[in-house]
Amino acid sequence: MQMLLKVLASRALVVTALSIAAQVVVAAEFPSKPLRLVTGSAPGGGSDTVARTIAEKLNERFGQPVLVDNRAGAGGTIGADIVAKAPPDGYTWLVATSSSMVVNPAMQKLPYDVERDLAPVMQISTVPFILAVHPAVQAKTVGELIQLAKARPGKLSYATSGIGAMSHLAMEQFKYMAGVNLVHVPYRGSAPAAYDLIAGQVQAAFNNLIPTLPHVKTGRLRALGVSSLTRAAALPEVPTVAESGLPGYEAMQWYGVLLPAAVPKSMVTFLHKELVKVLQNPAVRARLMDEGGEVIGGTPQQYAKVIHDDLAKWTKLVKAAGIKAE
């Protein structure tokens, strides 16, 4: 028995040594050519901003060009599919959103499987939504909005940036938990949705935090709650929806980095360590927080759990609400 234990211990040491050696080789040889960060949004979009923020620092660390490749369309599916089918050499990354990773699979059949074909590296940041109403709406709190909606079922409307957008699912989750009925008015993008909310054509919306703040401060919109479990640093006086009568309510937009699933684990480990160092940079953290985000970081395993849990959560809601892809 002792001899067997010695043999097993010896093999374990060999495996550990080989693993360390492999990581040293990765660090020494990588990268030897430009890297590509694929994002499913157009220039100026959320994932594009995250991609360019980290690309700048990766460029400095690697001494190689780190190019942001915008592949907008199909709610991020085009970009994700490119990375899922890319060579597993670590040179092609996906900067993804929660919409593309956990909402799209809940609504339609995709040309790839999120959990099978993509390898999580790190969840970069999360951004909450603001539940806002037009000032003419006779509700100054989340509780009052719920009471108003119950008194006038089907009479209040809400705007979103499109069917299946996170702003849509955020309100559907709100409706489900509050037991209210608001009419969905989808727009082609967040800008026209915000314009009509400010104009009073619709009464409510879950809007992105930073673009909504100026309108809240000028009184053109009234903020009732934020969709995170904790209050937003940019709007600390506004309570969370969870603390305003819907315990446990949470609907977040998040951003993360993934690779093709066949990338060696040693490469994932190496790139994760590089991203950790990037997120420790004060300028990077400030830029992400300026977008209303909270810097997350974490391990590949933690990010994989976020994806798995959110897939289950939003798939259940999509089915319950009967939401169909456009």
Protein backbone atom coordinates (compact mmCIF):
# COMPACT_ATOMS: atom_id res chain seq x y z
CA MET A 1 0.00 0.00 0.00
CA GLN A 2 2.83 2.39 0.92
CA MET A 3 4.52 1.65 -2.39
CA LEU A 4 1.27 2.44 -4.26
CA LEU A 5 0.90 5.73 -2.40
CA LYS A 6 4.47 6.67 -3.28
CA VAL A 7 3.84 5.91 -6.96
CA LEU A 8 0.63 8.00 -6.98
CA ALA A 9 2.38 10.86 -5.20
CA SER A 10 5.21 10.72 -7.71
CA ARG A 11 2.77 10.84 -10.63
CA ALA A 12 0.98 13.80 -9.06
CA LEU A 13 4.27 15.68 -8.81
CA VAL A 14 5.03 14.94 -12.45
CA VAL A 15 1.60 16.22 -13.55
CA THR A 16 2.04 19.38 -11.48
CA ALA A 17 5.50 19.97 -12.92
CA LEU A 18 4.25 19.51 -16.47
CA SER A 19 1.37 21.91 -15.81
CA ILE A 20 3.75 24.55 -14.49
CA ALA A 21 6.08 23.99 -17.44
CA ALA A 22 3.19 24.39 -19.87
CA GLN A 23 2.23 27.71 -18.28
CA VAL A 24 5.83 28.92 -18.48
CA VAL A 25 5.88 28.06 -22.19
CA VAL A 26 2.60 29.91 -22.73
CA ALA A 27 3.94 32.97 -20.93
CA ALA A 28 7.22 32.89 -22.88
CA GLU A 29 5.79 32.41 -26.37
CA PHE A 30 2.43 34.20 -26.19
CA PRO A 31 1.51 36.38 -27.94
CA SER A 32 3.61 36.37 -31.10
CA LYS A 33 1.03 38.11 -33.28
CA PRO A 34 -1.94 40.53 -32.92
CA LEU A 35 -4.94 39.52 -30.81
CA ARG A 36 -8.58 40.05 -31.73
CA LEU A 37 -11.29 41.01 -29.25
CA VAL A 38 -14.64 40.32 -30.90
CA THR A 39 -17.66 42.22 -29.60
CA GLY A 40 -21.28 41.89 -30.66
CA SER A 41 -22.03 45.61 -30.43
CA ALA A 42 -21.41 48.56 -32.73
CA PRO A 43 -18.73 51.12 -31.83
CA GLY A 44 -19.83 53.01 -28.74
CA GLY A 45 -21.97 50.18 -27.39
CA GLY A 46 -21.51 48.70 -23.93
CA SER A 47 -19.38 45.69 -24.83
CA ASP A 48 -17.39 47.82 -27.29
CA THR A 49 -16.51 50.23 -24.48
CA VAL A 50 -15.41 47.36 -22.23
CA ALA A 51 -13.42 45.77 -25.06
CA ARG A 52 -11.55 48.98 -25.90
CA THR A 53 -10.85 49.70 -22.24
CA ILE A 54 -9.14 46.36 -21.64
CA ALA A 55 -7.59 46.21 -25.14
CA GLU A 56 -5.56 49.34 -24.50
CA LYS A 57 -3.91 47.87 -21.40
CA LEU A 58 -3.46 44.42 -22.93
CA ASN A 59 -1.65 46.09 -25.80
CA GLU A 60 0.76 47.64 -23.31
CA ARG A 61 1.28 44.35 -21.46
CA PHE A 62 1.69 42.11 -24.50
CA GLY A 63 3.57 44.45 -26.81
CA GLN A 64 1.31 43.27 -29.64
CA PRO A 65 -1.68 45.02 -31.25
CA VAL A 66 -4.99 44.09 -29.57
CA LEU A 67 -7.69 44.82 -32.13
CA VAL A 68 -11.38 45.29 -31.34
CA ASP A 69 -13.54 43.62 -33.99
CA ASN A 70 -17.13 44.92 -33.95
CA ARG A 71 -19.57 42.30 -35.27
CA ALA A 72 -22.90 43.89 -34.41
CA GLY A 73 -26.16 42.16 -35.27
CA ALA A 74 -28.51 39.42 -34.11
CA GLY A 75 -28.21 40.52 -30.50
CA GLY A 76 -24.55 39.55 -30.27
CA THR A 77 -25.01 36.11 -31.83
CA ILE A 78 -22.80 36.89 -34.85
CA GLY A 79 -19.79 37.79 -32.72
CA ALA A 80 -20.26 34.87 -30.34
CA ASP A 81 -20.50 32.41 -33.23
CA ILE A 82 -17.24 33.72 -34.71
CA VAL A 83 -15.38 33.10 -31.47
CA ALA A 84 -17.02 29.73 -30.80
CA LYS A 85 -15.68 28.53 -34.17
CA ALA A 86 -12.29 30.30 -34.02
CA PRO A 87 -8.98 28.40 -33.71
CA PRO A 88 -8.39 27.55 -30.03
CA ASP A 89 -5.03 29.32 -29.87
CA GLY A 90 -5.92 32.17 -27.49
CA TYR A 91 -5.72 34.88 -30.15
CA THR A 92 -9.48 35.37 -30.57
CA TRP A 93 -11.51 36.55 -27.56
CA LEU A 94 -15.17 37.35 -27.09
CA VAL A 95 -16.25 40.34 -25.01
CA ALA A 96 -19.85 39.36 -24.36
CA THR A 97 -22.95 40.69 -22.65
CA SER A 98 -25.54 38.91 -20.56
CA SER A 99 -28.00 39.49 -23.41
CA SER A 100 -25.91 37.50 -25.88
CA MET A 101 -24.85 34.78 -23.44
CA VAL A 102 -28.01 33.99 -21.45
CA VAL A 103 -30.99 35.71 -23.11
CA ASN A 104 -30.47 34.74 -26.75
CA PRO A 105 -30.17 31.00 -25.91
CA ALA A 106 -33.38 31.26 -23.88
CA MET A 107 -35.30 32.63 -26.86
CA GLN A 108 -34.01 30.80 -29.92
CA LYS A 109 -31.83 28.01 -31.25
CA LEU A 110 -28.30 29.26 -31.83
CA PRO A 111 -25.52 27.96 -34.11
CA TYR A 112 -23.43 27.29 -30.99
CA ASP A 113 -23.93 26.16 -27.41
CA VAL A 114 -22.88 28.79 -24.87
CA GLU A 115 -21.76 26.33 -22.19
CA ARG A 116 -20.26 23.74 -24.56
CA ASP A 117 -18.53 25.88 -27.19
CA LEU A 118 -17.20 28.82 -25.17
CA ALA A 119 -14.80 28.87 -22.22
CA PRO A 120 -15.41 31.57 -19.59
CA VAL A 121 -12.32 33.52 -18.56
CA MET A 122 -13.63 36.36 -16.42
CA GLN A 123 -16.74 38.37 -15.66
CA ILE A 124 -15.48 41.93 -16.10
CA SER A 125 -18.27 44.13 -14.75
CA THR A 126 -21.98 44.45 -14.04
CA VAL A 127 -24.28 47.40 -14.75
CA PRO A 128 -27.73 47.88 -13.18
CA PHE A 129 -30.80 49.44 -14.76
CA ILE A 130 -32.89 52.30 -13.41
CA LEU A 131 -36.64 51.83 -13.16
CA ALA A 132 -37.77 55.27 -14.34
CA VAL A 133 -41.15 56.84 -15.02
CA HIS A 134 -42.35 60.00 -16.72
CA PRO A 135 -43.02 62.77 -14.15
CA ALA A 136 -46.72 62.73 -15.04
CA VAL A 137 -47.04 59.22 -13.62
CA GLN A 138 -48.61 59.40 -10.14
CA ALA A 139 -45.99 57.20 -8.50
CA LYS A 140 -42.95 58.29 -6.52
CA THR A 141 -41.90 54.86 -5.27
CA VAL A 142 -41.78 51.31 -6.57
CA GLY A 143 -44.63 50.41 -4.23
CA GLU A 144 -46.80 53.23 -5.57
CA LEU A 145 -46.10 52.16 -9.17
CA ILE A 146 -47.20 48.61 -8.29
CA GLN A 147 -50.41 49.94 -6.69
CA LEU A 148 -51.09 52.15 -9.72
CA ALA A 149 -50.51 49.27 -12.14
CA LYS A 150 -52.84 47.01 -10.15
CA ALA A 151 -55.53 49.71 -10.14
CA ARG A 152 -55.15 50.23 -13.91
CA PRO A 153 -54.25 46.83 -15.41
CA GLY A 154 -53.10 47.08 -19.01
CA LYS A 155 -53.26 50.88 -19.01
CA LEU A 156 -49.63 51.69 -18.31
CA SER A 157 -47.00 51.04 -20.98
CA TYR A 158 -43.25 50.54 -20.83
CA ALA A 159 -40.51 51.04 -23.39
CA THR A 160 -37.62 48.73 -24.20
CA SER A 161 -34.79 48.65 -26.73
CA GLY A 162 -36.38 45.61 -28.36
CA ILE A 163 -37.97 42.21 -27.78
CA GLY A 164 -35.63 40.06 -25.73
CA ALA A 165 -33.38 42.94 -24.66
CA MET A 166 -32.28 42.92 -21.02
CA SER A 167 -34.47 46.00 -20.46
CA HIS A 168 -37.42 43.88 -21.65
CA LEU A 169 -36.62 40.94 -19.39
CA ALA A 170 -35.99 43.28 -16.45
CA MET A 171 -39.56 44.58 -16.72
CA GLU A 172 -41.02 41.14 -17.34
CA GLN A 173 -39.32 39.95 -14.15
CA PHE A 174 -40.78 42.99 -12.37
CA LYS A 175 -44.27 42.25 -13.72
CA TYR A 176 -44.02 38.60 -12.73
CA MET A 177 -42.86 39.29 -9.18
CA ALA A 178 -45.24 42.22 -8.60
CA GLY A 179 -48.25 40.57 -10.24
CA VAL A 180 -48.99 43.53 -12.52
CA ASN A 181 -49.76 44.02 -16.19
CA LEU A 182 -47.97 46.73 -18.16
CA VAL A 183 -48.06 46.91 -21.97
CA HIS A 184 -44.76 46.35 -23.77
CA VAL A 185 -43.75 48.89 -26.43
CA PRO A 186 -40.52 47.68 -28.10
CA TYR A 187 -38.28 50.11 -29.97
CA ARG A 188 -35.30 49.59 -32.24
CA GLY A 189 -32.66 50.69 -29.77
CA SER A 190 -32.39 52.35 -26.39
CA ALA A 191 -32.23 55.92 -27.73
CA PRO A 192 -35.73 56.03 -29.33
CA ALA A 193 -37.14 54.22 -26.29
CA ALA A 194 -35.67 56.89 -24.00
CA TYR A 195 -36.95 59.72 -26.21
CA ASP A 196 -40.54 58.51 -26.04
CA LEU A 197 -40.34 57.94 -22.28
CA ILE A 198 -39.11 61.52 -21.81
CA ALA A 199 -41.89 62.74 -24.13
CA GLY A 200 -44.52 60.85 -22.13
CA GLN A 201 -45.54 58.55 -24.98
CA VAL A 202 -44.86 55.62 -22.62
CA GLN A 203 -44.97 55.70 -18.84
CA ALA A 204 -42.09 53.55 -17.59
CA ALA A 205 -38.90 51.71 -18.50
CA PHE A 206 -35.86 49.96 -17.13
CA ASN A 207 -33.13 52.10 -18.69
CA ASN A 208 -29.34 51.92 -18.63
CA LEU A 209 -27.97 53.75 -15.62
CA ILE A 210 -25.51 56.31 -17.02
CA PRO A 211 -27.54 57.62 -20.01
CA THR A 212 -30.57 58.01 -17.74
CA LEU A 213 -28.85 59.97 -14.94
CA PRO A 214 -28.88 63.40 -16.66
CA HIS A 215 -32.62 63.15 -17.30
CA VAL A 216 -33.26 62.18 -13.69
CA LYS A 217 -31.21 65.12 -12.43
CA THR A 218 -33.06 67.60 -14.68
CA GLY A 219 -36.45 66.24 -13.65
CA ARG A 220 -37.43 64.95 -17.07
CA LEU A 221 -37.59 61.44 -15.59
CA ARG A 222 -38.24 60.15 -12.08
CA ALA A 223 -36.07 57.29 -10.78
CA LEU A 224 -37.96 54.82 -8.60
CA GLY A 225 -35.43 52.05 -8.10
CA VAL A 226 -32.29 50.33 -9.35
CA SER A 227 -32.22 46.72 -10.50
CA SER A 228 -29.16 45.61 -8.50
CA LEU A 229 -29.28 44.05 -5.04
CA THR A 230 -27.29 46.98 -3.65
CA ARG A 231 -27.73 50.69 -4.34
CA ALA A 232 -25.80 52.21 -7.23
CA ALA A 233 -22.83 54.38 -6.27
CA ALA A 234 -23.84 56.87 -8.97
CA LEU A 235 -27.35 57.21 -7.50
CA PRO A 236 -27.14 56.30 -3.79
CA GLU A 237 -30.36 58.09 -2.82
CA VAL A 238 -32.46 55.80 -5.04
CA PRO A 239 -33.40 52.49 -3.36
CA THR A 240 -33.16 49.10 -5.00
CA VAL A 241 -36.27 47.45 -6.35
CA ALA A 242 -35.50 44.58 -3.98
CA GLU A 243 -35.67 46.80 -0.90
CA SER A 244 -38.80 48.55 -2.20
CA GLY A 245 -41.22 45.66 -1.96
CA LEU A 246 -39.84 42.93 -4.25
CA PRO A 247 -37.24 41.04 -2.15
CA GLY A 248 -34.67 39.22 -4.27
CA TYR A 249 -35.39 41.21 -7.44
CA GLU A 250 -32.27 41.56 -9.59
CA ALA A 251 -31.75 42.15 -13.31
CA MET A 252 -28.25 43.06 -14.42
CA GLN A 253 -26.42 43.67 -17.62
CA TRP A 254 -22.97 42.13 -17.34
CA TYR A 255 -19.88 41.93 -19.48
CA GLY A 256 -17.35 39.12 -19.64
CA VAL A 257 -14.52 37.56 -21.64
CA LEU A 258 -14.73 34.09 -23.18
CA LEU A 259 -12.57 31.98 -25.49
CA PRO A 260 -13.22 29.02 -27.80
CA ALA A 261 -13.92 26.01 -25.57
CA ALA A 262 -10.98 23.97 -26.90
CA VAL A 263 -8.37 26.51 -25.74
CA PRO A 264 -5.95 24.72 -23.36
CA LYS A 265 -6.60 25.28 -19.66
CA SER A 266 -3.06 26.59 -19.25
CA MET A 267 -3.90 29.34 -21.75
CA VAL A 268 -7.15 30.19 -19.93
CA THR A 269 -5.21 30.41 -16.66
CA PHE A 270 -2.54 32.62 -18.20
CA LEU A 271 -5.02 35.01 -19.84
CA HIS A 272 -7.11 35.16 -16.66
CA LYS A 273 -4.02 36.30 -14.74
CA GLU A 274 -3.38 38.98 -17.36
CA LEU A 275 -6.95 40.26 -17.04
CA VAL A 276 -6.62 40.35 -13.25
CA LYS A 277 -3.64 42.67 -13.66
CA VAL A 278 -5.55 44.83 -16.17
CA LEU A 279 -8.49 45.25 -13.78
CA GLN A 280 -6.12 46.27 -11.00
CA ASN A 281 -5.21 49.35 -13.05
CA PRO A 282 -6.91 52.44 -11.50
CA ALA A 283 -7.59 54.01 -14.92
CA VAL A 284 -9.35 50.86 -16.13
CA ARG A 285 -11.46 50.61 -13.00
CA ALA A 286 -12.39 54.30 -13.23
CA ARG A 287 -13.40 53.96 -16.89
CA LEU A 288 -15.64 50.97 -16.17
CA MET A 289 -17.20 52.70 -13.18
CA ASP A 290 -17.83 55.82 -15.28
CA GLU A 291 -20.13 53.61 -17.34
CA GLY A 292 -22.12 52.85 -14.20
CA GLY A 293 -20.49 49.48 -13.74
CA GLU A 294 -19.10 47.58 -10.80
CA VAL A 295 -15.81 45.84 -11.51
CA ILE A 296 -16.19 42.13 -10.74
CA GLY A 297 -13.15 40.05 -11.73
CA GLY A 298 -13.40 36.59 -10.20
CA THR A 299 -12.33 33.18 -11.47
CA PRO A 300 -13.32 31.35 -14.66
CA GLN A 301 -15.31 28.94 -12.48
CA GLN A 302 -17.25 31.78 -10.87
CA TYR A 303 -18.07 33.27 -14.26
CA ALA A 304 -19.18 29.86 -15.54
CA LYS A 305 -21.59 29.62 -12.59
CA VAL A 306 -23.00 33.08 -13.35
CA ILE A 307 -23.68 32.00 -16.93
CA HIS A 308 -25.22 28.70 -15.86
CA ASP A 309 -27.46 30.26 -13.21
CA ASP A 310 -28.59 33.14 -15.43
CA LEU A 311 -29.36 30.76 -18.29
CA ALA A 312 -31.72 28.87 -15.99
CA LYS A 313 -33.26 32.06 -14.58
CA TRP A 314 -33.98 33.83 -17.85
CA THR A 315 -35.03 30.67 -19.72
CA LYS A 316 -37.67 30.08 -17.07
CA LEU A 317 -38.92 33.67 -17.36
CA VAL A 318 -38.91 33.66 -21.18
CA LYS A 319 -41.05 30.51 -21.21
CA ALA A 320 -43.42 31.80 -18.51
CA ALA A 321 -43.91 35.13 -20.30
CA GLY A 322 -44.16 33.53 -23.77
CA ILE A 323 -41.47 35.80 -25.21
CA LYS A 324 -40.57 34.98 -28.81
CA ALA A 325 -37.58 36.19 -30.80
CA GLU A 326 -38.29 38.77 -33.50
